[in-house]
Amino acid sequence: NMSRDNASKEEEEIKNEEKWVFGAWGYPTLIPVAGLLGLYHTFVCAFTPNGKGGTTVRIFPCAGGDFTATKEEKITLLVEPKPGNMAMALSISGTDADRPSGLKWGKDGLCHQMANRIMYSVPPHGETHLLESPGGVALTSFWYGPYGKHWDEYKVEKNLEQYVLAPEK
């Protein structure tokens, strides 16, 4: 299975990059009622120098996609980019397209909670999230919690303790 081999190789290369920086962005949702309420769709991007004079970018979309899903030019930075752990982010993100980041969209959380889960890979773990951001995050956090339903169980399932970063010197 050539495509799976290439995907595995790419994932391994991504995990091995050393200096990843994670940030969260949002734009007004395209869902009519939610858009009228001022809700934002959110997603996470991570960046690292690729050693070839360029930058490798990894986008963590949710069920609603990422910035390529809109023609809006109102993309807003919601969480300032900070160094994080790509291996942890990939583990949190998972590979199940029906449950990105371990969440069933609408049942366990929304894109805000998915973004918060990915941003958990930025130390201090659990303190870099969208709670203070605009766009309805407080409302969805009230309903689902900042990380969505079943977050504690998902952290154990993914053994996130193995990824805790040592402080930079």
N, C-alpha and C. Protein backbone atom coordinates (compact mmCIF):
# COMPACT_ATOMS: atom_id res chain seq x y z
N ASN A 1 0.85 -1.18 0.00
CA ASN A 1 0.00 0.00 0.00
C ASN A 1 0.89 1.24 0.00
N MET A 2 1.16 1.74 -1.18
CA MET A 2 2.12 2.82 -1.37
C MET A 2 1.66 4.12 -0.70
N SER A 3 0.38 4.47 -0.82
CA SER A 3 -0.06 5.74 -0.23
C SER A 3 0.03 5.72 1.29
N ARG A 4 -0.27 4.57 1.91
CA ARG A 4 -0.16 4.47 3.37
C ARG A 4 1.30 4.55 3.80
N ASP A 5 2.21 3.93 3.00
CA ASP A 5 3.64 4.01 3.31
C ASP A 5 4.12 5.45 3.25
N ASN A 6 3.68 6.19 2.22
CA ASN A 6 4.07 7.60 2.10
C ASN A 6 3.49 8.42 3.24
N ALA A 7 2.24 8.14 3.62
CA ALA A 7 1.62 8.86 4.73
C ALA A 7 2.38 8.57 6.02
N SER A 8 2.77 7.31 6.25
CA SER A 8 3.52 6.96 7.46
C SER A 8 4.86 7.67 7.48
N LYS A 9 5.52 7.71 6.34
CA LYS A 9 6.81 8.39 6.24
C LYS A 9 6.66 9.88 6.53
N GLU A 10 5.60 10.49 5.97
CA GLU A 10 5.35 11.92 6.21
C GLU A 10 5.08 12.18 7.69
N GLU A 11 4.25 11.33 8.31
CA GLU A 11 3.95 11.50 9.73
C GLU A 11 5.22 11.39 10.56
N GLU A 12 6.09 10.44 10.22
CA GLU A 12 7.34 10.27 10.96
C GLU A 12 8.23 11.49 10.81
N GLU A 13 8.29 12.06 9.59
CA GLU A 13 9.09 13.27 9.37
C GLU A 13 8.53 14.42 10.18
N ILE A 14 7.21 14.54 10.20
CA ILE A 14 6.58 15.63 10.95
C ILE A 14 6.88 15.50 12.43
N LYS A 15 6.79 14.29 12.97
CA LYS A 15 7.07 14.08 14.39
C LYS A 15 8.51 14.42 14.73
N ASN A 16 9.41 14.18 13.80
CA ASN A 16 10.83 14.37 14.08
C ASN A 16 11.31 15.81 13.94
N GLU A 17 10.51 16.69 13.36
CA GLU A 17 10.90 18.10 13.30
C GLU A 17 11.01 18.62 14.73
N GLU A 18 11.97 19.47 15.00
CA GLU A 18 12.21 19.86 16.39
C GLU A 18 11.41 21.04 16.90
N LYS A 19 11.33 22.11 16.14
CA LYS A 19 10.75 23.35 16.66
C LYS A 19 9.41 23.66 16.02
N TRP A 20 8.34 23.11 16.54
CA TRP A 20 7.00 23.40 16.05
C TRP A 20 6.39 24.52 16.88
N VAL A 21 5.69 25.41 16.21
CA VAL A 21 4.98 26.51 16.86
C VAL A 21 3.51 26.36 16.46
N PHE A 22 2.62 26.39 17.47
CA PHE A 22 1.19 26.18 17.26
C PHE A 22 0.42 27.45 17.54
N GLY A 23 -0.54 27.76 16.69
CA GLY A 23 -1.44 28.89 16.91
C GLY A 23 -2.84 28.52 16.48
N ALA A 24 -3.82 29.22 16.99
CA ALA A 24 -5.22 28.97 16.63
C ALA A 24 -5.79 30.18 15.90
N TRP A 25 -6.53 29.91 14.86
CA TRP A 25 -7.16 30.95 14.05
C TRP A 25 -8.64 30.69 13.96
N GLY A 26 -9.38 31.72 13.56
CA GLY A 26 -10.81 31.56 13.35
C GLY A 26 -11.32 32.53 12.30
N TYR A 27 -12.50 32.25 11.82
CA TYR A 27 -13.18 33.16 10.91
C TYR A 27 -14.68 33.00 11.14
N PRO A 28 -15.46 34.02 10.78
CA PRO A 28 -16.91 33.91 11.00
C PRO A 28 -17.46 32.67 10.31
N THR A 29 -18.24 31.90 11.04
CA THR A 29 -18.77 30.66 10.49
C THR A 29 -19.70 30.93 9.32
N LEU A 30 -19.75 29.96 8.42
CA LEU A 30 -20.62 30.08 7.25
C LEU A 30 -22.00 29.49 7.52
N ILE A 31 -22.18 28.89 8.72
CA ILE A 31 -23.49 28.35 9.08
C ILE A 31 -24.40 29.53 9.39
N PRO A 32 -25.52 29.70 8.65
CA PRO A 32 -26.33 30.93 8.73
C PRO A 32 -26.70 31.39 10.13
N VAL A 33 -27.37 30.57 10.93
CA VAL A 33 -27.81 31.02 12.26
C VAL A 33 -26.61 31.30 13.15
N ALA A 34 -25.62 30.40 13.12
CA ALA A 34 -24.42 30.59 13.96
C ALA A 34 -23.67 31.85 13.54
N GLY A 35 -23.64 32.12 12.24
CA GLY A 35 -22.97 33.32 11.74
C GLY A 35 -23.64 34.59 12.27
N LEU A 36 -24.95 34.57 12.33
CA LEU A 36 -25.68 35.72 12.86
C LEU A 36 -25.38 35.94 14.34
N LEU A 37 -25.07 34.86 15.04
CA LEU A 37 -24.73 34.96 16.46
C LEU A 37 -23.27 35.38 16.68
N GLY A 38 -22.51 35.51 15.59
CA GLY A 38 -21.12 35.92 15.70
C GLY A 38 -20.17 34.78 16.05
N LEU A 39 -20.58 33.54 15.80
CA LEU A 39 -19.72 32.40 16.12
C LEU A 39 -18.61 32.27 15.09
N TYR A 40 -17.46 31.85 15.55
CA TYR A 40 -16.30 31.63 14.69
C TYR A 40 -16.07 30.14 14.51
N HIS A 41 -15.61 29.79 13.30
CA HIS A 41 -15.06 28.46 13.07
C HIS A 41 -13.58 28.56 13.43
N THR A 42 -13.03 27.58 14.13
CA THR A 42 -11.64 27.65 14.57
C THR A 42 -10.86 26.44 14.08
N PHE A 43 -9.56 26.62 13.95
CA PHE A 43 -8.65 25.55 13.56
C PHE A 43 -7.26 25.91 14.04
N VAL A 44 -6.36 24.92 14.04
CA VAL A 44 -4.99 25.12 14.51
C VAL A 44 -4.03 24.90 13.36
N CYS A 45 -3.02 25.77 13.27
CA CYS A 45 -1.91 25.59 12.34
C CYS A 45 -0.62 25.50 13.15
N ALA A 46 0.28 24.63 12.69
CA ALA A 46 1.61 24.51 13.30
C ALA A 46 2.64 24.76 12.21
N PHE A 47 3.75 25.39 12.59
CA PHE A 47 4.80 25.76 11.65
C PHE A 47 6.16 25.34 12.20
N THR A 48 7.07 24.99 11.30
CA THR A 48 8.45 24.70 11.69
C THR A 48 9.36 24.95 10.50
N PRO A 49 10.59 25.42 10.74
CA PRO A 49 11.54 25.51 9.62
C PRO A 49 11.79 24.11 9.07
N ASN A 50 11.88 23.98 7.74
CA ASN A 50 12.04 22.65 7.18
C ASN A 50 13.48 22.29 6.82
N GLY A 51 14.43 23.14 7.15
CA GLY A 51 15.83 22.84 6.88
C GLY A 51 16.23 23.11 5.43
N LYS A 52 15.29 23.54 4.62
CA LYS A 52 15.57 23.84 3.21
C LYS A 52 15.35 25.32 2.93
N GLY A 53 15.34 26.12 3.99
CA GLY A 53 15.12 27.55 3.84
C GLY A 53 13.65 27.92 3.80
N GLY A 54 12.77 26.97 4.01
CA GLY A 54 11.33 27.23 3.98
C GLY A 54 10.68 26.84 5.30
N THR A 55 9.37 26.74 5.25
CA THR A 55 8.60 26.40 6.44
C THR A 55 7.65 25.25 6.12
N THR A 56 7.59 24.29 7.02
CA THR A 56 6.60 23.22 6.91
C THR A 56 5.39 23.65 7.73
N VAL A 57 4.21 23.49 7.14
CA VAL A 57 2.97 23.88 7.80
C VAL A 57 2.10 22.64 7.95
N ARG A 58 1.54 22.47 9.11
CA ARG A 58 0.60 21.37 9.37
C ARG A 58 -0.68 22.01 9.87
N ILE A 59 -1.80 21.73 9.18
CA ILE A 59 -3.10 22.28 9.56
C ILE A 59 -3.90 21.18 10.25
N PHE A 60 -4.50 21.52 11.38
CA PHE A 60 -5.37 20.61 12.10
C PHE A 60 -6.80 21.12 11.96
N PRO A 61 -7.50 20.69 10.93
CA PRO A 61 -8.88 21.15 10.74
C PRO A 61 -9.83 20.35 11.61
N CYS A 62 -11.06 20.79 11.68
CA CYS A 62 -12.08 19.98 12.33
C CYS A 62 -13.12 19.65 11.26
N ALA A 63 -14.28 19.25 11.68
CA ALA A 63 -15.33 18.85 10.73
C ALA A 63 -15.67 20.00 9.77
N GLY A 64 -15.47 21.23 10.21
CA GLY A 64 -15.79 22.38 9.36
C GLY A 64 -14.65 22.80 8.46
N GLY A 65 -13.51 22.13 8.54
CA GLY A 65 -12.39 22.45 7.66
C GLY A 65 -11.42 23.43 8.29
N ASP A 66 -10.70 24.15 7.43
CA ASP A 66 -9.72 25.13 7.87
C ASP A 66 -9.91 26.38 7.03
N PHE A 67 -8.90 27.22 6.96
CA PHE A 67 -9.07 28.48 6.25
C PHE A 67 -9.32 28.29 4.75
N THR A 68 -9.01 27.13 4.20
CA THR A 68 -9.28 26.90 2.78
C THR A 68 -10.76 26.68 2.53
N ALA A 69 -11.55 26.52 3.60
CA ALA A 69 -12.98 26.27 3.46
C ALA A 69 -13.76 27.56 3.27
N THR A 70 -13.13 28.71 3.35
CA THR A 70 -13.83 29.98 3.24
C THR A 70 -13.12 30.89 2.25
N LYS A 71 -13.91 31.75 1.66
CA LYS A 71 -13.33 32.78 0.80
C LYS A 71 -13.24 34.09 1.59
N GLU A 72 -13.68 34.03 2.84
CA GLU A 72 -13.62 35.20 3.71
C GLU A 72 -12.18 35.62 3.93
N GLU A 73 -11.95 36.89 4.03
CA GLU A 73 -10.60 37.37 4.33
C GLU A 73 -10.53 37.84 5.77
N LYS A 74 -11.45 37.40 6.58
CA LYS A 74 -11.53 37.83 7.97
C LYS A 74 -10.97 36.78 8.91
N ILE A 75 -9.88 36.14 8.52
CA ILE A 75 -9.26 35.15 9.40
C ILE A 75 -8.55 35.90 10.51
N THR A 76 -8.83 35.51 11.74
CA THR A 76 -8.32 36.20 12.92
C THR A 76 -7.47 35.25 13.75
N LEU A 77 -6.33 35.74 14.19
CA LEU A 77 -5.49 34.98 15.11
C LEU A 77 -6.15 35.00 16.48
N LEU A 78 -6.44 33.82 17.02
CA LEU A 78 -7.13 33.72 18.30
C LEU A 78 -6.20 33.37 19.45
N VAL A 79 -5.19 32.55 19.17
CA VAL A 79 -4.19 32.19 20.19
C VAL A 79 -2.83 32.38 19.55
N GLU A 80 -2.04 33.27 20.14
CA GLU A 80 -0.70 33.58 19.64
C GLU A 80 0.14 32.31 19.51
N PRO A 81 0.85 32.14 18.39
CA PRO A 81 1.68 30.93 18.21
C PRO A 81 2.73 30.78 19.31
N LYS A 82 2.83 29.54 19.80
CA LYS A 82 3.79 29.20 20.87
C LYS A 82 4.37 27.82 20.58
N PRO A 83 5.59 27.55 21.06
CA PRO A 83 6.20 26.23 20.84
C PRO A 83 5.38 25.11 21.48
N GLY A 84 5.28 23.99 20.75
CA GLY A 84 4.52 22.86 21.26
C GLY A 84 5.12 21.55 20.80
N ASN A 85 4.44 20.48 21.10
CA ASN A 85 4.92 19.13 20.85
C ASN A 85 4.10 18.50 19.73
N MET A 86 4.71 18.33 18.53
CA MET A 86 3.99 17.79 17.38
C MET A 86 3.57 16.34 17.61
N ALA A 87 4.40 15.54 18.23
CA ALA A 87 4.02 14.14 18.48
C ALA A 87 2.75 14.08 19.32
N MET A 88 2.66 14.94 20.33
CA MET A 88 1.47 14.98 21.17
C MET A 88 0.27 15.45 20.34
N ALA A 89 0.45 16.50 19.53
CA ALA A 89 -0.64 17.03 18.72
C ALA A 89 -1.16 15.96 17.75
N LEU A 90 -0.26 15.21 17.13
CA LEU A 90 -0.68 14.16 16.20
C LEU A 90 -1.42 13.05 16.94
N SER A 91 -0.98 12.72 18.14
CA SER A 91 -1.66 11.71 18.93
C SER A 91 -3.07 12.18 19.28
N ILE A 92 -3.19 13.43 19.71
CA ILE A 92 -4.51 13.99 20.06
C ILE A 92 -5.40 14.02 18.83
N SER A 93 -4.86 14.48 17.72
CA SER A 93 -5.62 14.60 16.48
C SER A 93 -6.21 13.26 16.05
N GLY A 94 -5.42 12.21 16.17
CA GLY A 94 -5.90 10.88 15.82
C GLY A 94 -6.03 10.68 14.32
N THR A 95 -6.56 9.54 13.95
CA THR A 95 -6.70 9.19 12.54
C THR A 95 -8.14 8.88 12.14
N ASP A 96 -9.07 9.01 13.07
CA ASP A 96 -10.47 8.69 12.79
C ASP A 96 -11.17 9.93 12.25
N ALA A 97 -11.47 9.91 10.94
CA ALA A 97 -12.10 11.08 10.30
C ALA A 97 -13.48 11.38 10.88
N ASP A 98 -14.15 10.39 11.45
CA ASP A 98 -15.47 10.61 12.05
C ASP A 98 -15.40 11.16 13.46
N ARG A 99 -14.21 11.12 14.05
CA ARG A 99 -14.02 11.62 15.42
C ARG A 99 -12.70 12.37 15.52
N PRO A 100 -12.57 13.49 14.77
CA PRO A 100 -11.30 14.22 14.85
C PRO A 100 -11.02 14.66 16.28
N SER A 101 -9.80 14.44 16.72
CA SER A 101 -9.38 14.75 18.09
C SER A 101 -10.23 14.04 19.14
N GLY A 102 -10.83 12.92 18.74
CA GLY A 102 -11.62 12.12 19.68
C GLY A 102 -13.02 12.65 19.93
N LEU A 103 -13.47 13.63 19.15
CA LEU A 103 -14.78 14.23 19.36
C LEU A 103 -15.74 13.90 18.23
N LYS A 104 -16.94 13.52 18.57
CA LYS A 104 -18.01 13.40 17.58
C LYS A 104 -18.62 14.79 17.49
N TRP A 105 -18.46 15.44 16.33
CA TRP A 105 -18.87 16.84 16.15
C TRP A 105 -20.34 17.01 16.51
N GLY A 106 -20.62 18.00 17.36
CA GLY A 106 -21.98 18.31 17.77
C GLY A 106 -22.45 17.53 18.99
N LYS A 107 -21.89 16.34 19.19
CA LYS A 107 -22.27 15.52 20.34
C LYS A 107 -21.30 15.73 21.49
N ASP A 108 -19.99 15.67 21.19
CA ASP A 108 -18.95 15.78 22.23
C ASP A 108 -18.29 17.14 22.28
N GLY A 109 -18.46 17.93 21.23
CA GLY A 109 -17.83 19.24 21.15
C GLY A 109 -17.89 19.77 19.73
N LEU A 110 -17.36 20.97 19.56
CA LEU A 110 -17.32 21.61 18.24
C LEU A 110 -15.88 21.94 17.90
N CYS A 111 -15.69 22.74 16.88
CA CYS A 111 -14.33 23.07 16.45
C CYS A 111 -13.55 23.78 17.56
N HIS A 112 -14.22 24.54 18.41
CA HIS A 112 -13.52 25.21 19.51
C HIS A 112 -12.85 24.19 20.43
N GLN A 113 -13.58 23.12 20.74
CA GLN A 113 -13.03 22.10 21.62
C GLN A 113 -11.92 21.31 20.91
N MET A 114 -12.10 21.06 19.60
CA MET A 114 -11.06 20.37 18.85
C MET A 114 -9.77 21.19 18.83
N ALA A 115 -9.91 22.49 18.62
CA ALA A 115 -8.72 23.36 18.62
C ALA A 115 -8.08 23.37 20.00
N ASN A 116 -8.88 23.44 21.06
CA ASN A 116 -8.32 23.41 22.41
C ASN A 116 -7.57 22.12 22.67
N ARG A 117 -8.09 21.01 22.18
CA ARG A 117 -7.40 19.74 22.38
C ARG A 117 -6.02 19.75 21.70
N ILE A 118 -5.95 20.25 20.47
CA ILE A 118 -4.66 20.32 19.78
C ILE A 118 -3.74 21.30 20.52
N MET A 119 -4.28 22.44 20.96
CA MET A 119 -3.46 23.42 21.67
C MET A 119 -2.99 22.90 23.03
N TYR A 120 -3.56 21.80 23.51
CA TYR A 120 -3.09 21.17 24.74
C TYR A 120 -1.62 20.74 24.60
N SER A 121 -1.17 20.56 23.37
CA SER A 121 0.22 20.15 23.11
C SER A 121 1.22 21.28 23.35
N VAL A 122 0.71 22.47 23.67
CA VAL A 122 1.57 23.63 23.97
C VAL A 122 1.67 23.77 25.48
N PRO A 123 2.90 23.72 26.03
CA PRO A 123 3.02 23.88 27.48
C PRO A 123 2.80 25.32 27.93
N PRO A 124 2.39 25.56 29.15
CA PRO A 124 2.01 24.54 30.11
C PRO A 124 0.70 23.89 29.67
N HIS A 125 0.69 22.58 29.58
CA HIS A 125 -0.44 21.82 29.04
C HIS A 125 -1.71 22.14 29.81
N GLY A 126 -2.74 22.49 29.06
CA GLY A 126 -4.03 22.80 29.67
C GLY A 126 -4.23 24.28 29.95
N GLU A 127 -3.24 25.12 29.65
CA GLU A 127 -3.39 26.56 29.92
C GLU A 127 -3.44 27.40 28.65
N THR A 128 -3.16 26.80 27.50
CA THR A 128 -3.20 27.54 26.24
C THR A 128 -4.44 27.10 25.49
N HIS A 129 -5.50 27.87 25.64
CA HIS A 129 -6.73 27.52 24.94
C HIS A 129 -7.50 28.75 24.54
N LEU A 130 -8.63 28.53 23.90
CA LEU A 130 -9.42 29.60 23.28
C LEU A 130 -10.43 30.25 24.20
N LEU A 131 -10.42 29.93 25.49
CA LEU A 131 -11.50 30.38 26.37
C LEU A 131 -11.69 31.89 26.35
N GLU A 132 -10.61 32.64 26.19
CA GLU A 132 -10.72 34.10 26.21
C GLU A 132 -11.01 34.67 24.82
N SER A 133 -11.09 33.84 23.82
CA SER A 133 -11.23 34.29 22.44
C SER A 133 -12.66 34.69 22.10
N PRO A 134 -12.80 35.49 21.03
CA PRO A 134 -14.13 35.89 20.57
C PRO A 134 -14.79 34.74 19.81
N GLY A 135 -15.97 34.98 19.32
CA GLY A 135 -16.59 34.05 18.39
C GLY A 135 -17.35 32.90 19.01
N GLY A 136 -17.89 33.09 20.19
CA GLY A 136 -18.75 32.07 20.77
C GLY A 136 -18.05 30.98 21.54
N VAL A 137 -16.74 31.11 21.78
CA VAL A 137 -16.01 30.07 22.49
C VAL A 137 -16.55 29.89 23.91
N ALA A 138 -16.87 30.98 24.58
CA ALA A 138 -17.39 30.87 25.95
C ALA A 138 -18.71 30.09 25.96
N LEU A 139 -19.53 30.32 24.95
CA LEU A 139 -20.81 29.62 24.86
C LEU A 139 -20.61 28.12 24.65
N THR A 140 -19.75 27.75 23.71
CA THR A 140 -19.54 26.31 23.47
C THR A 140 -18.79 25.67 24.64
N SER A 141 -17.92 26.42 25.30
CA SER A 141 -17.20 25.89 26.46
C SER A 141 -18.16 25.65 27.62
N PHE A 142 -19.16 26.52 27.76
CA PHE A 142 -20.17 26.32 28.79
C PHE A 142 -20.92 25.01 28.53
N TRP A 143 -21.24 24.75 27.27
CA TRP A 143 -22.02 23.57 26.92
C TRP A 143 -21.20 22.28 26.97
N TYR A 144 -20.01 22.32 26.34
CA TYR A 144 -19.19 21.10 26.19
C TYR A 144 -17.97 21.04 27.10
N GLY A 145 -17.63 22.16 27.74
CA GLY A 145 -16.37 22.27 28.47
C GLY A 145 -15.29 22.73 27.49
N PRO A 146 -14.17 23.26 27.99
CA PRO A 146 -13.16 23.81 27.06
C PRO A 146 -12.56 22.75 26.14
N TYR A 147 -12.51 21.49 26.57
CA TYR A 147 -11.90 20.42 25.77
C TYR A 147 -12.91 19.40 25.25
N GLY A 148 -14.18 19.67 25.44
CA GLY A 148 -15.21 18.73 24.99
C GLY A 148 -15.46 17.64 26.00
N LYS A 149 -16.48 16.86 25.71
CA LYS A 149 -16.86 15.77 26.61
C LYS A 149 -15.84 14.64 26.53
N HIS A 150 -15.66 13.93 27.62
CA HIS A 150 -14.79 12.76 27.72
C HIS A 150 -13.31 13.08 27.54
N TRP A 151 -12.90 14.32 27.83
CA TRP A 151 -11.50 14.71 27.65
C TRP A 151 -10.57 13.93 28.58
N ASP A 152 -10.93 13.78 29.84
CA ASP A 152 -10.05 13.07 30.77
C ASP A 152 -9.81 11.63 30.32
N GLU A 153 -10.87 10.97 29.84
CA GLU A 153 -10.73 9.60 29.35
C GLU A 153 -9.84 9.56 28.10
N TYR A 154 -10.02 10.54 27.21
CA TYR A 154 -9.24 10.59 25.97
C TYR A 154 -7.76 10.81 26.26
N LYS A 155 -7.44 11.66 27.25
CA LYS A 155 -6.03 11.88 27.63
C LYS A 155 -5.39 10.57 28.10
N VAL A 156 -6.13 9.78 28.86
CA VAL A 156 -5.62 8.49 29.32
C VAL A 156 -5.47 7.54 28.14
N GLU A 157 -6.50 7.48 27.29
CA GLU A 157 -6.47 6.59 26.12
C GLU A 157 -5.25 6.88 25.24
N LYS A 158 -4.93 8.16 25.07
CA LYS A 158 -3.81 8.56 24.22
C LYS A 158 -2.48 8.61 24.98
N ASN A 159 -2.50 8.34 26.28
CA ASN A 159 -1.29 8.33 27.11
C ASN A 159 -0.50 9.63 26.92
N LEU A 160 -1.17 10.76 27.08
CA LEU A 160 -0.54 12.05 26.80
C LEU A 160 0.59 12.39 27.76
N GLU A 161 0.63 11.76 28.92
CA GLU A 161 1.71 12.03 29.88
C GLU A 161 3.09 11.71 29.28
N GLN A 162 3.15 10.80 28.33
CA GLN A 162 4.44 10.44 27.73
C GLN A 162 5.05 11.57 26.91
N TYR A 163 4.24 12.59 26.56
CA TYR A 163 4.71 13.66 25.70
C TYR A 163 5.09 14.94 26.44
N VAL A 164 5.02 14.96 27.74
CA VAL A 164 5.26 16.19 28.49
C VAL A 164 6.65 16.72 28.13
N LEU A 165 6.68 18.00 27.75
CA LEU A 165 7.91 18.63 27.30
C LEU A 165 8.78 19.07 28.46
N ALA A 166 10.06 18.91 28.29
CA ALA A 166 11.01 19.47 29.25
C ALA A 166 11.13 20.96 28.96
N PRO A 167 11.33 21.78 29.97
CA PRO A 167 11.45 23.21 29.72
C PRO A 167 12.67 23.52 28.84
N GLU A 168 12.51 24.53 27.97
CA GLU A 168 13.62 24.94 27.10
C GLU A 168 14.68 25.67 27.91
N LYS A 169 15.92 25.53 27.51
CA LYS A 169 17.01 26.18 28.23
C LYS A 169 17.44 27.43 27.51
